[in-house]
Amino acid sequence: MADAGPQSSNDATGANDAAGANVVTRFAPSPTGYLHIGGARTALFNWLFARHHGGKFLLRVEDTDRARSTEEAIAAIFDGLDWLGLGGDEEPVFQFARAARHAEVAHQLLADGHAYKCFATPDELTALREEQRAARKPMRYDGRWRDRDPAEGGDKPYVIRLKAPKEGETVIADAVQGRVVVQNVELDDMILLRSDGTPTYMLAVVVDDHDMGVTHIIRGDDHLNNAFRQLGIITAMDAIEGGWPKPVYAHIPLIHGADGAKLSKRHGAMGVDAYRDELGMLPEAVANYLLRLGWGHGDEETLSIARAIELFDLAGVGRSPSRFDIKKLENMNGHYMREADDARLAALVAPLLSAQGLTVDATLLESAMPSLKLRAKTVHDVADGARFLFTPRPIPIDAAAKVLLDDAAFALIKSVADRFDVLTDWTMEAIETAVRAAAEDAGIGLGKVAQPLRVALTGRTTSPGIFDVVFLLGKDETLARLSDMSHYVADGHNS
């Protein structure tokens, strides 16, 4: 295992931090499922770092696991990235299509003595692991073919293994973790090319990063130990042909749940598309929240994309796992809901209402946004709040609302209806004046009039402000719904 030493961020970033347009980052998901929240944050950090330095952000699909990689997963990942605004600056690279290039590098290493053929059979390797397990030793390949003449293997199947250094230590000046050291004796001779000629993930990643010109590798700290093994390939290829610089590594801590446990579905770990479709989040809110998961700049909580690009650096990334809190994300989303353009929100809400079988008036919906979004935390909240506008008469009354409809309530509703009926100007001011007059005449507070009025007009106990409700419905619809209450009484529905 790697041991982290004191922070050494200067060594980690080096000259590449000042390289400006020479900075190249990448996000390289495996298309075996949705774009999860941790992957989205990794993509965001890479995108922001590249934008901050005026560099490039690239995408690579690591689809070498053919049994698990699917077109649906690839589409879902790109959809999630596009929604967050994290598109690549070039066409994405598909790793499987580059298998011949990966094999070429493995054979270069073999030809130059940095790799060797290993003829150990699966049974031999199984026996070796069992011996090591019984002896409580680390389970790693013992290098039994490292110095043998490959002619001894004859025409038996073989793999190509890297000749890892056996003495000294390998040091990474990680831009987040600091100085991290591994003793080379802990590094085994990993497989580069399988017996069927296919490259391993460890080889493919290194070759692709080099060929794509990646300067900074920003990824989860679960890949930190891989970096030491991958450096062996980089060092060997640089010795063979030159021009294989070591990238700057930045291994960011993983995201945990609010309780500190590994993030799981019970904490809200879902695909990015679910935050959009199921939870009704806005992309700028999700991006802002992900940015603040493990990175900070003073007390700034809400940051525009432009501000995030201006400020983002690796020095602001903490070493401790961050904690995902769905309630905090909802609060962040509520902020962006209030800031969002009304026409944009209406366009997001309309399909949700249509899916409920409601006929939506787009103009009315947009005009309702200022009041609907005021207390909403999600797009679904807005859709729920807007439903009363398009519910056909007679509107259904919720069970919790029915208890408010007693004889006194119906008398108040009729009193308000009579005042609305004679209004010549349907304005917020005129509506408020009429309702307040009804309350004064009854000798009660405004709230005691507003609540039965709300039930009569929306069928619920909660809604936007009552004056907003009345104004948005318009005079004819308001009077018609209030008139329906007389039928409601006559039919005995208030029992």
Protein backbone atom coordinates (compact mmCIF):
# COMPACT_ATOMS: atom_id res chain seq x y z
CA MET A 1 0.00 0.00 0.00
CA ALA A 2 1.04 3.61 -0.59
CA ASP A 3 1.96 5.77 2.38
CA ALA A 4 1.22 9.49 2.23
CA GLY A 5 3.85 11.85 3.53
CA PRO A 6 3.82 15.61 4.04
CA GLN A 7 2.00 17.79 1.54
CA SER A 8 4.17 18.73 -1.45
CA SER A 9 1.84 20.45 -3.88
CA ASN A 10 4.63 22.39 -5.57
CA ASP A 11 6.26 19.18 -6.69
CA ALA A 12 2.89 17.83 -7.75
CA THR A 13 1.92 20.63 -10.07
CA GLY A 14 5.33 21.67 -11.31
CA ALA A 15 5.74 23.56 -14.57
CA ASN A 16 2.56 22.15 -16.04
CA ASP A 17 0.40 24.37 -13.82
CA ALA A 18 1.79 27.38 -15.64
CA ALA A 19 1.56 25.71 -19.02
CA GLY A 20 -1.72 27.42 -19.88
CA ALA A 21 -3.09 26.02 -23.11
CA ASN A 22 -0.76 23.03 -22.78
CA VAL A 23 -2.88 21.65 -19.94
CA VAL A 24 -4.90 18.61 -21.02
CA THR A 25 -7.23 16.72 -18.70
CA ARG A 26 -9.48 13.79 -19.36
CA PHE A 27 -12.50 11.97 -17.98
CA ALA A 28 -12.47 8.26 -18.76
CA PRO A 29 -15.60 6.39 -17.60
CA SER A 30 -16.25 2.69 -18.09
CA PRO A 31 -19.64 2.29 -19.81
CA THR A 32 -20.98 -0.43 -17.55
CA GLY A 33 -23.76 1.67 -16.00
CA TYR A 34 -25.01 5.20 -15.48
CA LEU A 35 -22.87 8.27 -14.83
CA HIS A 36 -22.82 8.16 -11.04
CA ILE A 37 -22.43 11.22 -8.84
CA GLY A 38 -18.77 10.54 -8.04
CA GLY A 39 -17.91 10.23 -11.71
CA ALA A 40 -19.76 13.46 -12.44
CA ARG A 41 -17.68 15.28 -9.83
CA THR A 42 -14.45 13.87 -11.30
CA ALA A 43 -15.52 15.07 -14.75
CA LEU A 44 -16.39 18.49 -13.32
CA PHE A 45 -13.00 18.89 -11.61
CA ASN A 46 -11.17 17.92 -14.81
CA TRP A 47 -13.32 20.28 -16.90
CA LEU A 48 -12.85 23.19 -14.51
CA PHE A 49 -9.08 22.67 -14.24
CA ALA A 50 -8.74 22.66 -18.03
CA ARG A 51 -10.94 25.75 -18.38
CA HIS A 52 -9.05 27.58 -15.62
CA HIS A 53 -5.78 27.07 -17.49
CA GLY A 54 -7.18 27.63 -20.97
CA GLY A 55 -6.41 24.01 -21.82
CA LYS A 56 -8.39 21.06 -23.18
CA PHE A 57 -10.80 18.63 -21.57
CA LEU A 58 -11.04 15.26 -23.33
CA LEU A 59 -13.35 12.27 -23.02
CA ARG A 60 -12.35 8.63 -23.31
CA VAL A 61 -14.72 5.68 -23.08
CA GLU A 62 -12.90 2.76 -21.47
CA ASP A 63 -14.93 0.04 -23.13
CA THR A 64 -12.43 -2.82 -23.05
CA ASP A 65 -14.76 -4.92 -20.88
CA ARG A 66 -16.90 -6.00 -23.82
CA ALA A 67 -19.17 -8.22 -21.75
CA ARG A 68 -20.31 -5.31 -19.55
CA SER A 69 -19.99 -2.30 -21.87
CA THR A 70 -23.29 -1.33 -23.50
CA GLU A 71 -24.45 1.30 -25.96
CA GLU A 72 -27.18 2.28 -23.51
CA ALA A 73 -24.61 3.01 -20.82
CA ILE A 74 -22.47 5.04 -23.23
CA ALA A 75 -25.52 7.09 -24.24
CA ALA A 76 -26.48 7.62 -20.58
CA ILE A 77 -22.98 8.84 -19.69
CA PHE A 78 -22.84 11.31 -22.58
CA ASP A 79 -26.37 12.47 -21.79
CA GLY A 80 -25.40 13.16 -18.18
CA LEU A 81 -22.24 15.02 -19.19
CA ASP A 82 -24.10 17.10 -21.75
CA TRP A 83 -26.79 18.00 -19.20
CA LEU A 84 -24.09 19.24 -16.82
CA GLY A 85 -22.40 21.15 -19.64
CA LEU A 86 -19.26 19.00 -19.50
CA GLY A 87 -18.80 18.10 -23.15
CA GLY A 88 -15.31 17.27 -24.40
CA ASP A 89 -13.26 19.60 -26.58
CA GLU A 90 -12.63 16.85 -29.14
CA GLU A 91 -14.43 13.74 -30.32
CA PRO A 92 -14.37 11.05 -27.61
CA VAL A 93 -11.78 8.27 -27.80
CA PHE A 94 -13.01 4.67 -27.53
CA GLN A 95 -10.38 2.53 -25.87
CA PHE A 96 -11.35 -0.80 -27.42
CA ALA A 97 -10.74 0.57 -30.92
CA ARG A 98 -7.12 1.25 -29.96
CA ALA A 99 -6.23 -2.31 -28.95
CA ALA A 100 -3.66 -2.66 -31.76
CA ARG A 101 -1.83 0.45 -30.54
CA HIS A 102 -1.78 -0.89 -26.98
CA ALA A 103 -0.35 -4.21 -28.18
CA GLU A 104 2.27 -2.33 -30.19
CA VAL A 105 3.58 -0.69 -27.02
CA ALA A 106 3.66 -4.00 -25.17
CA HIS A 107 5.80 -5.50 -27.94
CA GLN A 108 8.09 -2.45 -27.88
CA LEU A 109 8.67 -3.02 -24.19
CA LEU A 110 9.28 -6.72 -24.83
CA ALA A 111 11.74 -6.08 -27.64
CA ASP A 112 13.73 -3.60 -25.58
CA GLY A 113 14.01 -5.77 -22.49
CA HIS A 114 11.53 -3.89 -20.30
CA ALA A 115 9.02 -6.72 -20.46
CA TYR A 116 9.15 -10.50 -20.78
CA LYS A 117 7.11 -13.53 -21.75
CA CYS A 118 5.57 -15.44 -18.86
CA PHE A 119 4.46 -19.02 -19.52
CA ALA A 120 3.05 -19.69 -16.04
CA THR A 121 -0.19 -21.64 -16.30
CA PRO A 122 -3.41 -20.69 -14.49
CA ASP A 123 -2.98 -23.73 -12.25
CA GLU A 124 0.52 -22.63 -11.28
CA LEU A 125 -0.65 -19.15 -10.45
CA THR A 126 -3.55 -20.51 -8.39
CA ALA A 127 -1.18 -22.70 -6.43
CA LEU A 128 1.15 -19.72 -5.88
CA ARG A 129 -1.69 -17.62 -4.46
CA GLU A 130 -2.78 -20.42 -2.15
CA GLU A 131 0.76 -20.79 -0.82
CA GLN A 132 1.03 -17.05 -0.23
CA ARG A 133 -2.36 -16.95 1.45
CA ALA A 134 -1.44 -19.85 3.74
CA ALA A 135 1.83 -18.13 4.63
CA ARG A 136 0.00 -14.81 5.16
CA LYS A 137 2.19 -13.17 2.54
CA PRO A 138 1.10 -10.53 0.02
CA MET A 139 -0.41 -12.20 -3.01
CA ARG A 140 1.62 -11.09 -5.99
CA TYR A 141 3.35 -12.74 -8.93
CA ASP A 142 6.79 -14.02 -7.95
CA GLY A 143 8.62 -13.23 -11.20
CA ARG A 144 9.37 -16.88 -11.98
CA TRP A 145 9.76 -16.20 -15.72
CA ARG A 146 11.43 -12.81 -15.36
CA ASP A 147 14.98 -14.04 -16.03
CA ARG A 148 14.34 -17.33 -17.81
CA ASP A 149 14.97 -17.98 -21.47
CA PRO A 150 11.60 -17.70 -23.25
CA ALA A 151 12.68 -20.60 -25.44
CA GLU A 152 11.96 -22.84 -22.45
CA GLY A 153 8.29 -22.04 -22.88
CA GLY A 154 8.22 -23.52 -26.36
CA ASP A 155 4.91 -22.94 -28.12
CA LYS A 156 2.82 -22.76 -24.94
CA PRO A 157 0.53 -19.76 -24.37
CA TYR A 158 2.15 -16.81 -22.64
CA VAL A 159 1.42 -13.34 -21.37
CA ILE A 160 3.68 -10.32 -21.57
CA ARG A 161 4.63 -8.86 -18.20
CA LEU A 162 6.32 -5.57 -17.34
CA LYS A 163 9.71 -5.77 -15.62
CA ALA A 164 8.92 -3.63 -12.61
CA PRO A 165 11.83 -2.10 -10.67
CA LYS A 166 12.82 -4.24 -7.67
CA GLU A 167 15.02 -1.85 -5.73
CA GLY A 168 14.52 1.62 -4.34
CA GLU A 169 11.22 3.44 -4.19
CA THR A 170 8.74 5.21 -6.43
CA VAL A 171 7.59 8.67 -5.36
CA ILE A 172 4.54 10.60 -6.52
CA ALA A 173 4.18 14.28 -5.62
CA ASP A 174 0.39 14.14 -5.77
CA ALA A 175 -1.32 17.52 -6.17
CA VAL A 176 -3.94 16.52 -3.59
CA GLN A 177 -2.46 13.73 -1.47
CA GLY A 178 1.02 15.23 -1.18
CA ARG A 179 4.21 13.16 -1.35
CA VAL A 180 3.31 9.47 -1.57
CA VAL A 181 5.95 6.71 -1.57
CA VAL A 182 5.86 3.02 -2.46
CA GLN A 183 8.78 0.65 -2.01
CA ASN A 184 9.46 -0.96 -5.36
CA VAL A 185 9.64 -4.41 -3.81
CA GLU A 186 5.85 -4.10 -3.37
CA LEU A 187 5.28 -3.74 -7.12
CA ASP A 188 4.86 -7.01 -8.99
CA ASP A 189 5.40 -7.62 -12.69
CA MET A 190 1.92 -6.85 -13.96
CA ILE A 191 0.48 -8.31 -17.15
CA LEU A 192 0.49 -5.99 -20.16
CA LEU A 193 -0.79 -8.36 -22.83
CA ARG A 194 -2.95 -11.38 -22.14
CA SER A 195 -2.35 -14.77 -23.73
CA ASP A 196 -5.02 -14.03 -26.36
CA GLY A 197 -3.13 -10.89 -27.37
CA THR A 198 -5.56 -8.42 -25.79
CA PRO A 199 -4.15 -5.54 -23.70
CA THR A 200 -4.91 -5.08 -20.05
CA TYR A 201 -6.61 -2.01 -18.64
CA MET A 202 -3.39 -0.85 -16.95
CA LEU A 203 -1.50 -0.78 -20.24
CA ALA A 204 -4.34 0.76 -22.25
CA VAL A 205 -4.80 3.65 -19.80
CA VAL A 206 -1.14 4.64 -19.94
CA VAL A 207 -0.89 4.45 -23.73
CA ASP A 208 -4.12 6.39 -24.24
CA ASP A 209 -3.15 9.12 -21.79
CA HIS A 210 0.20 9.52 -23.57
CA ASP A 211 -1.26 9.54 -27.07
CA MET A 212 -3.98 12.00 -26.04
CA GLY A 213 -1.37 14.34 -24.57
CA VAL A 214 -2.88 14.26 -21.07
CA THR A 215 -0.83 16.40 -18.68
CA HIS A 216 -2.93 16.16 -15.52
CA ILE A 217 -4.69 13.03 -14.31
CA ILE A 218 -7.42 14.01 -11.84
CA ARG A 219 -9.31 10.97 -10.58
CA GLY A 220 -10.55 9.21 -7.44
CA ASP A 221 -8.02 8.20 -4.81
CA ASP A 222 -9.02 4.58 -5.27
CA HIS A 223 -6.72 4.74 -8.31
CA LEU A 224 -3.70 5.99 -6.36
CA ASN A 225 -2.00 2.59 -6.11
CA ASN A 226 -2.54 2.07 -9.84
CA ALA A 227 -0.48 5.19 -10.51
CA PHE A 228 2.69 3.57 -9.16
CA ARG A 229 2.30 0.58 -11.45
CA GLN A 230 1.41 2.76 -14.44
CA LEU A 231 4.51 4.88 -13.88
CA GLY A 232 6.58 1.78 -14.59
CA ILE A 233 5.26 1.72 -18.14
CA ILE A 234 5.80 5.45 -18.61
CA THR A 235 9.38 5.28 -17.34
CA ALA A 236 10.22 2.30 -19.53
CA MET A 237 8.74 3.83 -22.70
CA ASP A 238 10.51 7.12 -22.03
CA ALA A 239 13.78 5.21 -21.82
CA ILE A 240 13.04 3.50 -25.15
CA GLU A 241 11.90 6.39 -27.31
CA GLY A 242 11.73 9.53 -25.16
CA GLY A 243 8.80 11.93 -25.07
CA TRP A 244 6.84 10.05 -22.41
CA PRO A 245 6.60 12.66 -19.62
CA LYS A 246 5.11 11.76 -16.28
CA PRO A 247 1.71 13.40 -15.80
CA VAL A 248 0.77 15.43 -12.77
CA TYR A 249 -1.39 13.22 -10.56
CA ALA A 250 -4.23 14.51 -8.40
CA HIS A 251 -6.13 11.79 -6.57
CA ILE A 252 -9.28 13.19 -5.00
CA PRO A 253 -10.98 11.54 -1.99
CA LEU A 254 -14.16 9.63 -2.62
CA ILE A 255 -17.65 10.80 -1.67
CA HIS A 256 -19.29 9.27 1.40
CA GLY A 257 -22.85 9.41 2.64
CA ALA A 258 -23.99 11.94 5.24
CA ASP A 259 -23.35 9.29 7.91
CA GLY A 260 -19.74 8.83 6.82
CA ALA A 261 -20.32 5.40 5.28
CA LYS A 262 -19.46 4.53 1.70
CA LEU A 263 -21.88 6.26 -0.65
CA SER A 264 -24.74 4.00 -1.70
CA LYS A 265 -28.25 4.25 -3.09
CA ARG A 266 -29.66 4.81 0.39
CA HIS A 267 -27.64 8.02 0.55
CA GLY A 268 -28.94 9.22 -2.82
CA ALA A 269 -26.24 7.68 -5.03
CA MET A 270 -28.04 7.53 -8.35
CA GLY A 271 -27.28 8.24 -11.95
CA VAL A 272 -27.02 11.91 -12.90
CA ASP A 273 -30.10 11.44 -15.08
CA ALA A 274 -32.11 10.49 -11.98
CA TYR A 275 -31.29 13.81 -10.32
CA ARG A 276 -32.78 15.48 -13.38
CA ASP A 277 -35.72 13.20 -14.13
CA GLU A 278 -36.71 11.73 -10.77
CA LEU A 279 -35.71 14.51 -8.37
CA GLY A 280 -36.24 17.54 -10.62
CA MET A 281 -32.83 19.14 -10.11
CA LEU A 282 -31.28 21.83 -12.29
CA PRO A 283 -27.85 21.14 -13.80
CA GLU A 284 -26.28 24.30 -12.41
CA ALA A 285 -27.38 23.33 -8.90
CA VAL A 286 -25.98 19.81 -9.20
CA ALA A 287 -22.71 21.15 -10.61
CA ASN A 288 -22.41 23.77 -7.87
CA TYR A 289 -23.10 21.18 -5.18
CA LEU A 290 -20.59 18.73 -6.64
CA LEU A 291 -17.99 21.49 -6.80
CA ARG A 292 -18.41 22.11 -3.09
CA LEU A 293 -18.04 18.40 -2.32
CA GLY A 294 -14.35 18.32 -1.51
CA TRP A 295 -13.33 21.73 -2.87
CA GLY A 296 -13.76 25.15 -1.37
CA HIS A 297 -12.82 28.79 -1.64
CA GLY A 298 -13.46 30.69 1.56
CA ASP A 299 -17.12 30.96 2.45
CA GLU A 300 -18.45 31.03 -1.11
CA GLU A 301 -21.22 28.47 -1.46
CA THR A 302 -23.03 29.42 -4.65
CA LEU A 303 -20.72 29.98 -7.59
CA SER A 304 -21.56 30.57 -11.21
CA ILE A 305 -19.68 28.53 -13.79
CA ALA A 306 -17.65 31.60 -14.70
CA ARG A 307 -16.71 32.14 -11.06
CA ALA A 308 -15.85 28.45 -10.61
CA ILE A 309 -13.56 28.54 -13.65
CA GLU A 310 -11.88 31.65 -12.29
CA LEU A 311 -11.22 30.13 -8.86
CA PHE A 312 -10.73 26.41 -9.34
CA ASP A 313 -7.36 24.95 -8.47
CA LEU A 314 -6.14 21.67 -7.04
CA ALA A 315 -4.86 23.31 -3.87
CA GLY A 316 -8.48 23.83 -2.83
CA VAL A 317 -9.25 20.09 -2.91
CA GLY A 318 -9.25 18.51 0.55
CA ARG A 319 -7.77 15.16 1.49
CA SER A 320 -10.72 13.89 3.52
CA PRO A 321 -13.77 12.21 2.00
CA SER A 322 -16.66 14.61 1.49
CA ARG A 323 -20.17 13.81 2.66
CA PHE A 324 -23.11 13.82 0.29
CA ASP A 325 -26.27 15.29 1.80
CA ILE A 326 -29.38 15.22 -0.39
CA LYS A 327 -31.06 17.90 1.76
CA LYS A 328 -28.21 20.32 1.12
CA LEU A 329 -28.47 19.59 -2.59
CA GLU A 330 -32.20 20.34 -2.47
CA ASN A 331 -31.53 23.64 -0.71
CA MET A 332 -28.91 24.51 -3.32
CA ASN A 333 -31.40 23.62 -6.05
CA GLY A 334 -34.01 25.85 -4.41
CA HIS A 335 -31.61 28.78 -4.75
CA TYR A 336 -31.12 28.13 -8.45
CA MET A 337 -34.86 27.60 -8.95
CA ARG A 338 -35.50 31.13 -7.73
CA GLU A 339 -32.75 32.44 -10.02
CA ALA A 340 -33.91 30.50 -13.09
CA ASP A 341 -35.54 32.12 -16.12
CA ASP A 342 -39.32 31.75 -16.02
CA ALA A 343 -39.67 30.60 -19.63
CA ARG A 344 -37.00 27.94 -19.08
CA LEU A 345 -38.71 26.63 -15.95
CA ALA A 346 -42.10 26.59 -17.65
CA ALA A 347 -40.62 24.52 -20.48
CA LEU A 348 -39.33 22.00 -17.92
CA VAL A 349 -42.60 21.85 -16.00
CA ALA A 350 -45.05 21.62 -18.92
CA PRO A 351 -44.19 18.01 -19.90
CA LEU A 352 -44.63 16.91 -16.28
CA LEU A 353 -48.14 18.33 -16.21
CA SER A 354 -48.98 16.95 -19.64
CA ALA A 355 -47.89 13.51 -18.44
CA GLN A 356 -50.64 13.79 -15.80
CA GLY A 357 -53.23 14.27 -18.54
CA LEU A 358 -53.57 18.01 -18.03
CA THR A 359 -53.96 20.50 -20.88
CA VAL A 360 -51.33 23.17 -20.32
CA ASP A 361 -51.56 26.80 -21.33
CA ALA A 362 -47.89 27.71 -21.83
CA THR A 363 -48.47 31.44 -21.42
CA LEU A 364 -50.37 31.00 -18.17
CA LEU A 365 -47.75 28.57 -16.84
CA GLU A 366 -44.90 30.99 -17.53
CA SER A 367 -46.78 33.88 -15.94
CA ALA A 368 -47.25 31.75 -12.81
CA MET A 369 -43.54 31.01 -12.39
CA PRO A 370 -42.60 33.98 -10.17
CA SER A 371 -45.04 32.82 -7.49
CA LEU A 372 -44.67 29.06 -8.07
CA LYS A 373 -40.88 28.96 -7.82
CA LEU A 374 -40.66 31.12 -4.72
CA ARG A 375 -40.76 28.23 -2.23
CA ALA A 376 -40.01 25.35 -4.59
CA LYS A 377 -36.86 23.27 -4.19
CA THR A 378 -37.28 21.17 -7.34
CA VAL A 379 -38.92 21.27 -10.75
CA HIS A 380 -41.37 18.66 -9.45
CA ASP A 381 -42.37 21.03 -6.65
CA VAL A 382 -43.23 23.66 -9.25
CA ALA A 383 -45.22 21.14 -11.29
CA ASP A 384 -47.10 20.09 -8.18
CA GLY A 385 -47.81 23.70 -7.31
CA ALA A 386 -48.97 24.50 -10.83
CA ARG A 387 -51.37 21.61 -11.14
CA PHE A 388 -54.35 23.57 -9.78
CA LEU A 389 -54.15 25.97 -12.73
CA PHE A 390 -55.01 23.27 -15.26
CA THR A 391 -57.18 20.88 -13.24
CA PRO A 392 -60.62 20.69 -14.91
CA ARG A 393 -63.73 21.56 -12.92
CA PRO A 394 -65.07 20.47 -10.62
CA ILE A 395 -61.70 20.21 -8.95
CA PRO A 396 -61.18 17.31 -6.51
CA ILE A 397 -60.76 18.21 -2.85
CA ASP A 398 -57.97 16.55 -0.86
CA ALA A 399 -59.02 14.68 2.27
CA ALA A 400 -56.95 17.01 4.46
CA ALA A 401 -58.67 20.01 2.88
CA LYS A 402 -62.23 18.74 3.26
CA VAL A 403 -62.19 19.20 7.02
CA LEU A 404 -61.86 22.95 6.50
CA LEU A 405 -65.11 23.17 4.57
CA ASP A 406 -67.77 23.74 7.22
CA ASP A 407 -70.84 26.01 7.10
CA ALA A 408 -68.81 29.04 8.17
CA ALA A 409 -66.28 28.37 5.41
CA PHE A 410 -69.00 28.20 2.74
CA ALA A 411 -70.46 31.47 3.97
CA LEU A 412 -67.04 33.11 3.65
CA ILE A 413 -66.54 31.66 0.18
CA LYS A 414 -69.89 33.08 -0.95
CA SER A 415 -69.07 36.46 0.57
CA VAL A 416 -65.76 36.62 -1.32
CA ALA A 417 -67.42 35.40 -4.55
CA ASP A 418 -69.98 38.20 -4.36
CA ARG A 419 -67.20 40.78 -4.02
CA PHE A 420 -65.20 39.28 -6.90
CA ASP A 421 -68.28 39.27 -9.11
CA VAL A 422 -68.56 43.07 -9.09
CA LEU A 423 -64.88 43.77 -9.70
CA THR A 424 -64.25 45.62 -12.95
CA ASP A 425 -60.45 45.54 -12.70
CA TRP A 426 -58.94 42.11 -12.10
CA THR A 427 -55.73 43.25 -10.44
CA MET A 428 -53.78 41.97 -7.45
CA GLU A 429 -54.65 45.15 -5.56
CA ALA A 430 -58.39 44.84 -6.26
CA ILE A 431 -58.38 41.14 -5.33
CA GLU A 432 -56.60 41.80 -2.05
CA THR A 433 -58.97 44.61 -1.18
CA ALA A 434 -61.98 42.37 -1.78
CA VAL A 435 -60.67 39.51 0.35
CA ARG A 436 -59.64 41.81 3.19
CA ALA A 437 -63.07 43.44 3.13
CA ALA A 438 -64.73 40.01 3.49
CA ALA A 439 -62.51 39.25 6.48
CA GLU A 440 -63.28 42.58 8.12
CA ASP A 441 -67.02 42.14 7.63
CA ALA A 442 -66.80 38.70 9.24
CA GLY A 443 -64.67 40.05 12.07
CA ILE A 444 -61.90 37.51 11.49
CA GLY A 445 -58.29 37.51 10.39
CA LEU A 446 -57.26 37.33 6.76
CA GLY A 447 -55.91 33.80 7.16
CA LYS A 448 -59.30 32.45 8.19
CA VAL A 449 -60.70 33.64 4.88
CA ALA A 450 -57.70 32.71 2.79
CA GLN A 451 -57.66 29.06 3.83
CA PRO A 452 -61.20 28.02 2.78
CA LEU A 453 -60.78 30.18 -0.32
CA ARG A 454 -57.58 28.26 -1.13
CA VAL A 455 -59.35 24.93 -0.71
CA ALA A 456 -62.21 26.02 -2.97
CA LEU A 457 -59.85 27.20 -5.71
CA THR A 458 -57.08 24.57 -5.55
CA GLY A 459 -58.58 21.63 -3.67
CA ARG A 460 -55.60 21.71 -1.30
CA THR A 461 -54.39 23.31 1.91
CA THR A 462 -51.16 24.59 0.36
CA SER A 463 -50.62 26.73 -2.71
CA PRO A 464 -48.89 29.90 -3.80
CA GLY A 465 -50.13 33.10 -2.12
CA ILE A 466 -53.91 33.27 -2.26
CA PHE A 467 -53.92 36.57 -4.16
CA ASP A 468 -51.60 35.03 -6.75
CA VAL A 469 -53.90 32.02 -7.06
CA VAL A 470 -56.97 34.18 -7.67
CA PHE A 471 -55.21 36.49 -10.11
CA LEU A 472 -53.68 33.63 -12.15
CA LEU A 473 -56.96 31.73 -12.44
CA GLY A 474 -58.69 34.82 -13.77
CA LYS A 475 -62.11 36.15 -12.93
CA ASP A 476 -64.24 33.66 -14.88
CA GLU A 477 -62.43 30.54 -13.64
CA THR A 478 -62.29 31.83 -10.07
CA LEU A 479 -66.02 32.54 -9.96
CA ALA A 480 -66.81 29.21 -11.60
CA ARG A 481 -64.77 27.30 -9.02
CA LEU A 482 -66.30 29.22 -6.15
CA SER A 483 -69.76 28.54 -7.62
CA ASP A 484 -68.92 24.83 -7.68
CA MET A 485 -68.80 24.95 -3.89
CA SER A 486 -72.59 25.42 -3.76
CA HIS A 487 -72.98 22.18 -5.70
CA TYR A 488 -70.41 20.64 -3.41
CA VAL A 489 -72.67 21.39 -0.43
CA ALA A 490 -75.85 20.36 -2.20
CA ASP A 491 -74.39 16.99 -3.16
CA GLY A 492 -73.36 16.28 0.40
CA HIS A 493 -69.66 16.00 -0.44
CA ASN A 494 -68.62 17.89 2.65
CA SER A 495 -69.57 15.07 4.95
